[in-house]
Every structure is written in structure tokens, then in C-alpha cells.
């Protein structure tokens, strides 16, 4: 088990198989030592995590949904690295989309669910730049979608 995966196991997280794309795109693209991962939507073993922040979902639940997106991102990075997550050097940038009402302003707190998890799981390699923006709707009604840029070796 890799060092990063051992830390994930300590946190009670086992990375799933990288989800297949749902349309005409690829789940990740590697250019040199950079991996661009397509948006990962909030989902767990029960299916999609749906909701609209500021309406039928609270900020803490949105942050938990964002955490599932971060797990999906790491699964894609692992796949891009031939199954060796220890090839990950660092998380470079996240762009988080929050399905929220027009007057909801805590998108950064929602995306903290992903950011906090990545730092907890990866240490300094998990520190990253990011954007957290509102979306009027997201695919399948999910609460959160996050895409990422990662440096690998």
C-alpha cells in the first residue's frame, strides 16, 4: 500500500475505481508532469448526493458532498499514474462548483470539505490554490462538482 493510501486507510477511506466518463470526454489528461482531472460530482455508495445549498441542503452537508468529490479526484489521479498514488507530487488547483441559490454565499465553506480533506490526507502535498463558485444547477441535480489540476512524477 502506498504512503498516501496508507494515510487514506487511517482516515477510513479506500479509493474507489476511477469513475468512467458520462459523456464525450476523458476523465483525465496528462501533459508532462501535470494531470488535469475532469469534474467529479458528489456521490457515495448510495448514488448521487443531490441538493441545492441555500434551499434544501445545509453548508455542512455540502462540505461532506465536496469531500466525496475530492475522493473521486484522487481516484482519477491514481488511475492517471498507473495505479501508483505515490507518484502524486501535489495538488495544484481545484475549481469547485456549488449548486446553490442566488443569495447563498458560503460556497468557500462548502469547497472547504474537499480542501480540508486533501490536506488531511496528503499533508503539504494537498495544499492548493482554488476557486469556489455558485452554479444555478449541476448535472443530475448534484450538490457539488470539483475539477482539479495535479502535479505528478
Protein backbone atom coordinates (compact mmCIF):
# COMPACT_ATOMS: atom_id res chain seq x y z
CA UNK A 1 0.00 0.00 0.00
CA UNK A 2 1.34 3.41 -0.95
CA UNK A 3 2.16 6.05 1.63
CA UNK A 4 -0.77 8.23 0.58
CA UNK A 5 -3.11 5.25 0.50
CA UNK A 6 -1.92 4.18 3.96
CA UNK A 7 -2.87 7.64 5.25
CA UNK A 8 -6.23 7.37 3.49
CA UNK A 9 -6.76 3.99 5.17
CA UNK A 10 -6.05 5.60 8.55
CA UNK A 11 -8.83 8.05 7.71
CA UNK A 12 -11.14 5.15 6.82
CA UNK A 13 -11.04 5.90 3.09
CA UNK A 14 -10.46 3.39 0.33
CA UNK A 15 -10.27 4.94 -3.11
CA UNK A 16 -12.92 3.59 -5.48
CA UNK A 17 -12.17 2.64 -9.06
CA UNK A 18 -11.95 5.83 -11.08
CA UNK A 19 -15.43 6.65 -12.39
CA UNK A 20 -15.91 6.35 -16.16
CA UNK A 21 -16.93 9.48 -18.05
CA UNK A 22 -20.67 10.02 -18.53
CA UNK A 23 -20.37 11.76 -21.91
CA UNK A 24 -17.90 12.52 -24.72
CA UNK A 25 -14.81 13.45 -22.70
CA UNK A 26 -11.92 11.75 -20.96
CA UNK A 27 -11.68 11.58 -17.17
CA UNK A 28 -8.14 12.95 -17.08
CA UNK A 29 -5.44 14.28 -19.40
CA UNK A 30 -1.75 14.09 -18.57
CA UNK A 31 0.54 16.72 -20.13
CA UNK A 32 4.14 16.41 -18.97
CA UNK A 33 4.02 16.26 -15.18
CA UNK A 34 0.55 17.81 -14.91
CA UNK A 35 -2.72 15.85 -14.73
CA UNK A 36 -5.96 17.68 -15.46
CA UNK A 37 -8.91 15.83 -13.92
CA UNK A 38 -12.41 16.38 -15.24
CA UNK A 39 -15.12 17.44 -12.82
CA UNK A 40 -16.02 14.83 -10.23
CA UNK A 41 -19.56 15.02 -8.93
CA UNK A 42 -20.76 14.41 -5.39
CA UNK A 43 -21.66 10.77 -4.93
CA UNK A 44 -21.32 7.96 -2.45
CA UNK A 45 -22.19 4.26 -2.27
CA UNK A 46 -25.90 5.18 -2.29
CA UNK A 47 -25.62 7.23 -5.51
CA UNK A 48 -25.62 10.92 -6.31
CA UNK A 49 -25.60 13.42 -3.46
CA UNK A 50 -28.20 15.91 -4.65
CA UNK A 51 -29.37 19.21 -3.25
CA UNK A 52 -29.24 22.96 -3.56
CA UNK A 53 -27.29 24.91 -0.96
CA UNK A 54 -29.39 27.70 0.49
CA UNK A 55 -32.57 25.75 -0.21
CA UNK A 56 -32.75 22.07 0.78
CA UNK A 57 -29.14 21.44 1.86
CA UNK A 58 -27.11 22.86 4.74
CA UNK A 59 -23.48 24.00 4.43
CA UNK A 60 -22.10 21.07 6.47
CA UNK A 61 -23.87 18.57 4.20
CA UNK A 62 -22.46 20.41 1.17
CA UNK A 63 -18.95 20.20 2.63
CA UNK A 64 -19.42 16.44 3.12
CA UNK A 65 -20.52 16.21 -0.52
CA UNK A 66 -17.40 18.14 -1.60
CA UNK A 67 -15.27 15.63 0.31
CA UNK A 68 -16.67 12.85 -1.90
CA UNK A 69 -15.61 14.85 -4.96
CA UNK A 70 -12.05 15.02 -3.59
CA UNK A 71 -12.03 11.24 -3.17
CA UNK A 72 -13.12 10.92 -6.82
CA UNK A 73 -10.35 13.29 -7.88
CA UNK A 74 -7.73 11.17 -6.09
CA UNK A 75 -9.13 8.03 -7.71
CA UNK A 76 -8.64 9.66 -11.12
CA UNK A 77 -5.09 10.75 -10.24
CA UNK A 78 -4.29 7.20 -9.16
CA UNK A 79 -5.61 5.89 -12.49
CA UNK A 80 -3.60 8.52 -14.39
CA UNK A 81 -0.48 7.32 -12.52
CA UNK A 82 -0.92 3.66 -13.44
CA UNK A 83 -2.29 2.77 -10.00
CA UNK A 84 0.55 4.38 -8.01
CA UNK A 85 -0.84 7.29 -6.00
CA UNK A 86 2.64 7.95 -4.59
CA UNK A 87 3.53 9.49 -7.96
CA UNK A 88 1.42 12.46 -6.85
CA UNK A 89 3.66 15.44 -6.07
CA UNK A 90 0.99 17.97 -5.14
CA UNK A 91 -2.50 19.25 -5.70
CA UNK A 92 -2.08 22.41 -7.76
CA UNK A 93 -5.61 23.82 -8.13
CA UNK A 94 -9.25 22.97 -7.53
CA UNK A 95 -12.24 24.59 -9.14
CA UNK A 96 -15.39 23.89 -7.16
CA UNK A 97 -18.94 24.40 -8.37
CA UNK A 98 -21.71 24.56 -5.78
CA UNK A 99 -25.34 24.05 -6.74
CA UNK A 100 -26.76 27.00 -4.80
CA UNK A 101 -29.42 29.65 -4.69
CA UNK A 102 -28.67 33.17 -5.86
CA UNK A 103 -28.45 34.54 -2.34
CA UNK A 104 -26.28 31.74 -0.88
CA UNK A 105 -22.74 32.99 -0.19
CA UNK A 106 -20.92 30.18 1.60
CA UNK A 107 -19.52 28.38 -1.46
CA UNK A 108 -15.98 28.59 0.01
CA UNK A 109 -17.17 26.80 3.17
CA UNK A 110 -18.66 24.03 1.02
CA UNK A 111 -15.48 23.54 -1.02
CA UNK A 112 -13.51 23.51 2.24
CA UNK A 113 -14.87 19.97 2.59
CA UNK A 114 -12.60 18.96 -0.31
CA UNK A 115 -9.69 21.24 0.60
CA UNK A 116 -9.58 20.19 4.24
CA UNK A 117 -9.76 16.51 3.30
CA UNK A 118 -6.91 16.79 0.78
CA UNK A 119 -4.64 18.49 3.34
CA UNK A 120 -5.58 15.93 5.99
CA UNK A 121 -4.89 13.03 3.62
CA UNK A 122 -1.86 14.39 1.75
CA UNK A 123 -0.25 16.88 4.13
CA UNK A 124 1.56 19.75 2.41
CA UNK A 125 1.13 17.99 -0.96
CA UNK A 126 -2.59 18.62 -0.55
CA UNK A 127 -2.30 22.42 -0.21
CA UNK A 128 -3.58 24.11 -3.36
CA UNK A 129 -4.99 27.21 -4.98
CA UNK A 130 -8.70 27.14 -5.76
CA UNK A 131 -11.91 28.80 -6.85
CA UNK A 132 -15.34 28.20 -5.32
CA UNK A 133 -18.26 29.40 -7.40
CA UNK A 134 -22.03 29.15 -7.46
CA UNK A 135 -23.89 27.25 -10.15
CA UNK A 136 -27.61 27.56 -10.83
CA UNK A 137 -27.72 23.80 -11.40
CA UNK A 138 -25.34 20.87 -11.84
CA UNK A 139 -25.63 17.54 -13.69
CA UNK A 140 -28.17 15.12 -12.18
CA UNK A 141 -29.02 17.73 -9.54
CA UNK A 142 -25.82 17.02 -7.59
CA UNK A 143 -24.79 19.43 -4.87
CA UNK A 144 -21.12 19.82 -5.84
CA UNK A 145 -18.75 19.26 -8.76
CA UNK A 146 -14.99 19.78 -8.50
CA UNK A 147 -12.26 19.61 -11.13
CA UNK A 148 -8.57 19.56 -10.33
CA UNK A 149 -5.04 20.07 -11.57
CA UNK A 150 -2.30 17.87 -10.08
CA UNK A 151 1.48 17.60 -10.43
CA UNK A 152 2.85 14.05 -10.69
CA UNK A 153 6.22 12.43 -11.20
